[in-house]
Each structure stands twice: as C-alpha cells, then as structure tokens.
Amino acid sequence: EAAPLVAATGCVDGAVVALDAAVSQRLCTVEQVTEVVARLEKSATVGIARARRLAELIDPTSESPGESRLRLLLVVTGLAVRTQVHIYAPNGRLVGRVDFLVDDGVIVEFDGRVKYGNAAALWDEKRREDALRSLGYEMVRVVWADLDHPEHIASLIRAARARAARRGR
C-alpha cells in the first residue's frame, strides 16, 4: 500500500518509477494499486486525483527506472507512445523489440551503460539498430543525462518525426 501513498504525496517521477517497479517485479498488480487508491479516496483529501492519474500511468513492461522516467516525459509532452513494441521485417522475422514507438515511424530507446557492458553486446545493438533503420525507422537514443533536459528530447523526437514523414513512414 506504500506505492499509492508515494503517488499521492511524493514526486511524480519517483512515484511512476516505484509503481512500475512494484508491478513489474510482481510485488503487486495494477488492480491492487487501483483498489488501494479507491480506498484512499474514502479517507484522504489531498493528492487523490494525482494518485489516480499515476495509477493509470503504470506500465508493467517498463524494464528500468530510466524507461519509466522517459515514458512519463513522453506522455507529459503529449506524444502517443507504445511501449515494448516488436518490430518485424516484411518476411515475418523479428528484427527487435524497442522501448518506445512514436507515430509508427520513430523509435525511442533508453540506454544505460550497464546494457552495453561488453563489445559483443554493443555490436549486437548496432546491428539491430541498422536493421531497424533499414526498415525505414528513425531512431532517437536517450541516456540518463538527457532526462534532465526534456526540451532537448522533444526536439530530437520532432526532428526524427519530420525525417520519418519525409520518407513516408
């Protein structure tokens, strides 16, 4: 029951990260969080609307705090975003699963250093990105430091959307 209380009284980013982590680690379900928020509505007066909204933002597919924070940033900027999307080649072969897909033409990936701890992982990721680009997708990569500059991320996505539109994606 702590996560909804964080949602009601804590910082938005922290609440989204905590809720995503709790649900993805199966410590609770989205339904349980929603039930707790409903119970809080009967007794609390402050922060309930925010807690309800944050419960709606839970994404159990989020794989890291960075992804949770980036998703929140994308949603707050008004982008329609899909998470953990599988992208297939025309022959039906899975090319990759991407963190976020915006407008069916722009892939947004959150990158932490741990993900590319060795040369083989970095090489595999480069090949995956090349394959996605060959299908006409634009790629925007975001790292931890970028999360402190949402306007920069938004400008990168706008530019990628414009490139995708010019290419007919």
C-alpha atoms as a PDB file:
ATOM      1  CA  GLU A   1       0.000   0.000   0.000  1.00  0.00           C
ATOM      2  CA  ALA A   2       3.017   2.309   0.112  1.00  0.00           C
ATOM      3  CA  ALA A   3       3.200   2.912  -3.647  1.00  0.00           C
ATOM      4  CA  PRO A   4      -0.177   4.715  -3.876  1.00  0.00           C
ATOM      5  CA  LEU A   5       0.826   6.843  -0.878  1.00  0.00           C
ATOM      6  CA  VAL A   6       4.021   7.793  -2.702  1.00  0.00           C
ATOM      7  CA  ALA A   7       1.856   8.582  -5.717  1.00  0.00           C
ATOM      8  CA  ALA A   8      -0.403  10.796  -3.619  1.00  0.00           C
ATOM      9  CA  THR A   9       2.309  12.699  -1.794  1.00  0.00           C
ATOM     10  CA  GLY A  10       5.686  12.145  -3.461  1.00  0.00           C
ATOM     11  CA  CYS A  11       7.365  13.350  -6.606  1.00  0.00           C
ATOM     12  CA  VAL A  12       5.789  12.269  -9.876  1.00  0.00           C
ATOM     13  CA  ASP A  13       8.905  10.633 -11.361  1.00  0.00           C
ATOM     14  CA  GLY A  14       9.585   8.725  -8.154  1.00  0.00           C
ATOM     15  CA  ALA A  15       6.003   7.528  -7.951  1.00  0.00           C
ATOM     16  CA  VAL A  16       5.974   6.288 -11.555  1.00  0.00           C
ATOM     17  CA  VAL A  17       9.302   4.514 -11.086  1.00  0.00           C
ATOM     18  CA  ALA A  18       8.122   2.916  -7.813  1.00  0.00           C
ATOM     19  CA  LEU A  19       4.788   1.815  -9.260  1.00  0.00           C
ATOM     20  CA  ASP A  20       6.327   0.397 -12.449  1.00  0.00           C
ATOM     21  CA  ALA A  21       8.960  -1.494 -10.461  1.00  0.00           C
ATOM     22  CA  ALA A  22       6.469  -2.877  -7.958  1.00  0.00           C
ATOM     23  CA  VAL A  23       4.171  -4.182 -10.689  1.00  0.00           C
ATOM     24  CA  SER A  24       6.921  -5.490 -12.974  1.00  0.00           C
ATOM     25  CA  GLN A  25       8.517  -7.348 -10.055  1.00  0.00           C
ATOM     26  CA  ARG A  26       5.102  -8.801  -9.220  1.00  0.00           C
ATOM     27  CA  LEU A  27       5.056  -7.276  -5.745  1.00  0.00           C
ATOM     28  CA  CYS A  28       1.546  -6.100  -6.582  1.00  0.00           C
ATOM     29  CA  THR A  29      -0.769  -5.792  -9.562  1.00  0.00           C
ATOM     30  CA  VAL A  30      -2.196  -2.748 -11.291  1.00  0.00           C
ATOM     31  CA  GLU A  31      -5.589  -3.826  -9.983  1.00  0.00           C
ATOM     32  CA  GLN A  32      -4.328  -3.903  -6.404  1.00  0.00           C
ATOM     33  CA  VAL A  33      -2.863  -0.412  -6.744  1.00  0.00           C
ATOM     34  CA  THR A  34      -6.165   0.813  -8.174  1.00  0.00           C
ATOM     35  CA  GLU A  35      -8.052  -0.773  -5.252  1.00  0.00           C
ATOM     36  CA  VAL A  36      -5.779   0.940  -2.720  1.00  0.00           C
ATOM     37  CA  VAL A  37      -6.292   4.286  -4.451  1.00  0.00           C
ATOM     38  CA  ALA A  38     -10.072   3.703  -4.318  1.00  0.00           C
ATOM     39  CA  ARG A  39      -9.834   3.009  -0.567  1.00  0.00           C
ATOM     40  CA  LEU A  40      -7.722   6.132  -0.067  1.00  0.00           C
ATOM     41  CA  GLU A  41     -10.363   8.185  -1.858  1.00  0.00           C
ATOM     42  CA  LYS A  42     -12.750   7.474   1.017  1.00  0.00           C
ATOM     43  CA  SER A  43     -10.422   8.842   3.697  1.00  0.00           C
ATOM     44  CA  ALA A  44      -7.861  11.172   2.151  1.00  0.00           C
ATOM     45  CA  THR A  45      -8.461  14.574   0.644  1.00  0.00           C
ATOM     46  CA  VAL A  46      -5.041  15.559  -0.652  1.00  0.00           C
ATOM     47  CA  GLY A  47      -3.342  14.027  -3.669  1.00  0.00           C
ATOM     48  CA  ILE A  48      -6.027  11.526  -4.630  1.00  0.00           C
ATOM     49  CA  ALA A  49      -6.513  12.858  -8.170  1.00  0.00           C
ATOM     50  CA  ARG A  50      -2.772  12.618  -8.729  1.00  0.00           C
ATOM     51  CA  ALA A  51      -2.611   9.121  -7.237  1.00  0.00           C
ATOM     52  CA  ARG A  52      -5.443   8.024  -9.550  1.00  0.00           C
ATOM     53  CA  ARG A  53      -3.661   9.504 -12.579  1.00  0.00           C
ATOM     54  CA  LEU A  54      -0.351   7.890 -11.650  1.00  0.00           C
ATOM     55  CA  ALA A  55      -2.051   4.522 -11.199  1.00  0.00           C
ATOM     56  CA  GLU A  56      -3.275   4.931 -14.778  1.00  0.00           C
ATOM     57  CA  LEU A  57       0.331   5.511 -15.904  1.00  0.00           C
ATOM     58  CA  ILE A  58       1.671   2.207 -14.565  1.00  0.00           C
ATOM     59  CA  ASP A  59       3.423   0.155 -17.230  1.00  0.00           C
ATOM     60  CA  PRO A  60       4.419  -3.334 -16.078  1.00  0.00           C
ATOM     61  CA  THR A  61       6.601  -3.736 -19.182  1.00  0.00           C
ATOM     62  CA  SER A  62       8.982  -0.992 -18.059  1.00  0.00           C
ATOM     63  CA  GLU A  63      12.428  -2.517 -17.676  1.00  0.00           C
ATOM     64  CA  SER A  64      14.225   0.199 -15.726  1.00  0.00           C
ATOM     65  CA  PRO A  65      13.758   3.439 -13.810  1.00  0.00           C
ATOM     66  CA  GLY A  66      15.182   5.258 -16.846  1.00  0.00           C
ATOM     67  CA  GLU A  67      12.499   3.793 -19.101  1.00  0.00           C
ATOM     68  CA  SER A  68       9.799   4.748 -16.600  1.00  0.00           C
ATOM     69  CA  ARG A  69      11.041   8.331 -16.397  1.00  0.00           C
ATOM     70  CA  LEU A  70      11.390   8.598 -20.174  1.00  0.00           C
ATOM     71  CA  ARG A  71       7.880   7.221 -20.736  1.00  0.00           C
ATOM     72  CA  LEU A  72       6.460   9.770 -18.311  1.00  0.00           C
ATOM     73  CA  LEU A  73       8.313  12.548 -20.097  1.00  0.00           C
ATOM     74  CA  LEU A  74       6.963  11.383 -23.481  1.00  0.00           C
ATOM     75  CA  VAL A  75       3.400  11.159 -22.165  1.00  0.00           C
ATOM     76  CA  VAL A  76       3.579  14.568 -20.493  1.00  0.00           C
ATOM     77  CA  THR A  77       4.741  16.125 -23.774  1.00  0.00           C
ATOM     78  CA  GLY A  78       1.597  14.770 -25.420  1.00  0.00           C
ATOM     79  CA  LEU A  79       3.142  12.062 -27.565  1.00  0.00           C
ATOM     80  CA  ALA A  80       1.180   8.938 -28.349  1.00  0.00           C
ATOM     81  CA  VAL A  81       3.667   6.264 -27.424  1.00  0.00           C
ATOM     82  CA  ARG A  82       3.577   2.477 -27.413  1.00  0.00           C
ATOM     83  CA  THR A  83       5.948   0.550 -25.171  1.00  0.00           C
ATOM     84  CA  GLN A  84       7.980  -2.613 -25.765  1.00  0.00           C
ATOM     85  CA  VAL A  85       6.900  -2.960 -29.394  1.00  0.00           C
ATOM     86  CA  HIS A  86       8.006  -5.931 -31.507  1.00  0.00           C
ATOM     87  CA  ILE A  87       9.088  -4.903 -35.000  1.00  0.00           C
ATOM     88  CA  TYR A  88       9.115  -7.438 -37.811  1.00  0.00           C
ATOM     89  CA  ALA A  89      10.732  -7.495 -41.249  1.00  0.00           C
ATOM     90  CA  PRO A  90       8.436  -7.940 -44.265  1.00  0.00           C
ATOM     91  CA  ASN A  91       9.318 -11.663 -44.256  1.00  0.00           C
ATOM     92  CA  GLY A  92       7.904 -12.000 -40.723  1.00  0.00           C
ATOM     93  CA  ARG A  93      11.285 -12.231 -38.976  1.00  0.00           C
ATOM     94  CA  LEU A  94      11.501 -10.404 -35.658  1.00  0.00           C
ATOM     95  CA  VAL A  95      14.023  -7.590 -36.021  1.00  0.00           C
ATOM     96  CA  GLY A  96      13.777  -6.407 -32.457  1.00  0.00           C
ATOM     97  CA  ARG A  97      11.737  -5.195 -29.543  1.00  0.00           C
ATOM     98  CA  VAL A  98      12.010  -1.462 -28.975  1.00  0.00           C
ATOM     99  CA  ASP A  99      11.443   0.523 -25.810  1.00  0.00           C
ATOM    100  CA  PHE A 100       9.064   3.062 -27.369  1.00  0.00           C
ATOM    101  CA  LEU A 101       7.440   3.610 -30.736  1.00  0.00           C
ATOM    102  CA  VAL A 102       6.104   7.065 -31.587  1.00  0.00           C
ATOM    103  CA  ASP A 103       3.885   7.599 -34.634  1.00  0.00           C
ATOM    104  CA  ASP A 104       4.802   4.183 -36.068  1.00  0.00           C
ATOM    105  CA  GLY A 105       7.964   5.682 -37.503  1.00  0.00           C
ATOM    106  CA  VAL A 106      10.155   6.861 -34.638  1.00  0.00           C
ATOM    107  CA  ILE A 107      11.811   4.502 -32.198  1.00  0.00           C
ATOM    108  CA  VAL A 108      12.912   5.946 -28.866  1.00  0.00           C
ATOM    109  CA  GLU A 109      15.362   3.866 -26.859  1.00  0.00           C
ATOM    110  CA  PHE A 110      16.606   4.459 -23.330  1.00  0.00           C
ATOM    111  CA  ASP A 111      20.245   3.464 -22.975  1.00  0.00           C
ATOM    112  CA  GLY A 112      22.048   2.829 -19.726  1.00  0.00           C
ATOM    113  CA  ARG A 113      25.724   1.881 -19.621  1.00  0.00           C
ATOM    114  CA  VAL A 114      25.104  -1.478 -17.992  1.00  0.00           C
ATOM    115  CA  LYS A 115      23.211  -2.638 -21.084  1.00  0.00           C
ATOM    116  CA  TYR A 116      26.372  -2.488 -23.212  1.00  0.00           C
ATOM    117  CA  GLY A 117      28.884  -3.891 -20.751  1.00  0.00           C
ATOM    118  CA  ASN A 118      30.920  -5.656 -23.413  1.00  0.00           C
ATOM    119  CA  ALA A 119      31.884  -5.299 -27.057  1.00  0.00           C
ATOM    120  CA  ALA A 120      29.627  -8.153 -28.196  1.00  0.00           C
ATOM    121  CA  ALA A 121      26.526  -6.502 -26.709  1.00  0.00           C
ATOM    122  CA  LEU A 122      27.437  -3.196 -28.322  1.00  0.00           C
ATOM    123  CA  TRP A 123      27.995  -4.885 -31.689  1.00  0.00           C
ATOM    124  CA  ASP A 124      24.664  -6.741 -31.462  1.00  0.00           C
ATOM    125  CA  GLU A 125      22.874  -3.493 -30.665  1.00  0.00           C
ATOM    126  CA  LYS A 126      24.495  -1.726 -33.616  1.00  0.00           C
ATOM    127  CA  ARG A 127      23.374  -4.493 -35.966  1.00  0.00           C
ATOM    128  CA  ARG A 128      19.849  -4.375 -34.527  1.00  0.00           C
ATOM    129  CA  GLU A 129      19.693  -0.600 -34.975  1.00  0.00           C
ATOM    130  CA  ASP A 130      20.969  -0.884 -38.566  1.00  0.00           C
ATOM    131  CA  ALA A 131      18.254  -3.468 -39.309  1.00  0.00           C
ATOM    132  CA  LEU A 132      15.556  -1.212 -37.829  1.00  0.00           C
ATOM    133  CA  ARG A 133      16.805   1.784 -39.821  1.00  0.00           C
ATOM    134  CA  SER A 134      16.815  -0.322 -42.989  1.00  0.00           C
ATOM    135  CA  LEU A 135      13.067  -0.798 -42.453  1.00  0.00           C
ATOM    136  CA  GLY A 136      12.653   2.996 -42.517  1.00  0.00           C
ATOM    137  CA  TYR A 137      12.508   3.738 -38.808  1.00  0.00           C
ATOM    138  CA  GLU A 138      14.136   6.794 -37.286  1.00  0.00           C
ATOM    139  CA  MET A 139      15.968   6.227 -34.006  1.00  0.00           C
ATOM    140  CA  VAL A 140      16.295   8.530 -31.006  1.00  0.00           C
ATOM    141  CA  ARG A 141      18.545   7.364 -28.191  1.00  0.00           C
ATOM    142  CA  VAL A 142      18.196   8.843 -24.706  1.00  0.00           C
ATOM    143  CA  VAL A 143      20.640   8.471 -21.812  1.00  0.00           C
ATOM    144  CA  TRP A 144      20.318   9.367 -18.140  1.00  0.00           C
ATOM    145  CA  ALA A 145      21.724  12.887 -18.535  1.00  0.00           C
ATOM    146  CA  ASP A 146      19.141  13.652 -21.240  1.00  0.00           C
ATOM    147  CA  LEU A 147      16.270  13.106 -18.793  1.00  0.00           C
ATOM    148  CA  ASP A 148      17.171  16.423 -17.147  1.00  0.00           C
ATOM    149  CA  HIS A 149      16.557  18.176 -20.492  1.00  0.00           C
ATOM    150  CA  PRO A 150      13.077  17.261 -21.702  1.00  0.00           C
ATOM    151  CA  GLU A 151      13.061  20.061 -24.266  1.00  0.00           C
ATOM    152  CA  HIS A 152      16.155  18.533 -25.894  1.00  0.00           C
ATOM    153  CA  ILE A 153      14.497  15.109 -26.069  1.00  0.00           C
ATOM    154  CA  ALA A 154      11.357  16.675 -27.541  1.00  0.00           C
ATOM    155  CA  SER A 155      13.423  18.456 -30.208  1.00  0.00           C
ATOM    156  CA  LEU A 156      15.212  15.211 -31.137  1.00  0.00           C
ATOM    157  CA  ILE A 157      11.865  13.457 -31.495  1.00  0.00           C
ATOM    158  CA  ARG A 158      10.381  16.311 -33.550  1.00  0.00           C
ATOM    159  CA  ALA A 159      13.351  16.127 -35.930  1.00  0.00           C
ATOM    160  CA  ALA A 160      13.037  12.335 -36.193  1.00  0.00           C
ATOM    161  CA  ARG A 161       9.292  12.628 -36.860  1.00  0.00           C
ATOM    162  CA  ALA A 162       9.984  15.134 -39.646  1.00  0.00           C
ATOM    163  CA  ARG A 163      12.563  12.801 -41.201  1.00  0.00           C
ATOM    164  CA  ALA A 164      10.159   9.858 -40.953  1.00  0.00           C
ATOM    165  CA  ALA A 165       7.376  11.901 -42.564  1.00  0.00           C
ATOM    166  CA  ARG A 166       9.648  12.915 -45.451  1.00  0.00           C
ATOM    167  CA  ARG A 167      10.417   9.231 -46.018  1.00  0.00           C
ATOM    168  CA  GLY A 168       6.737   8.331 -45.969  1.00  0.00           C
ATOM    169  CA  ARG A 169       6.841   6.465 -42.663  1.00  0.00           C
END
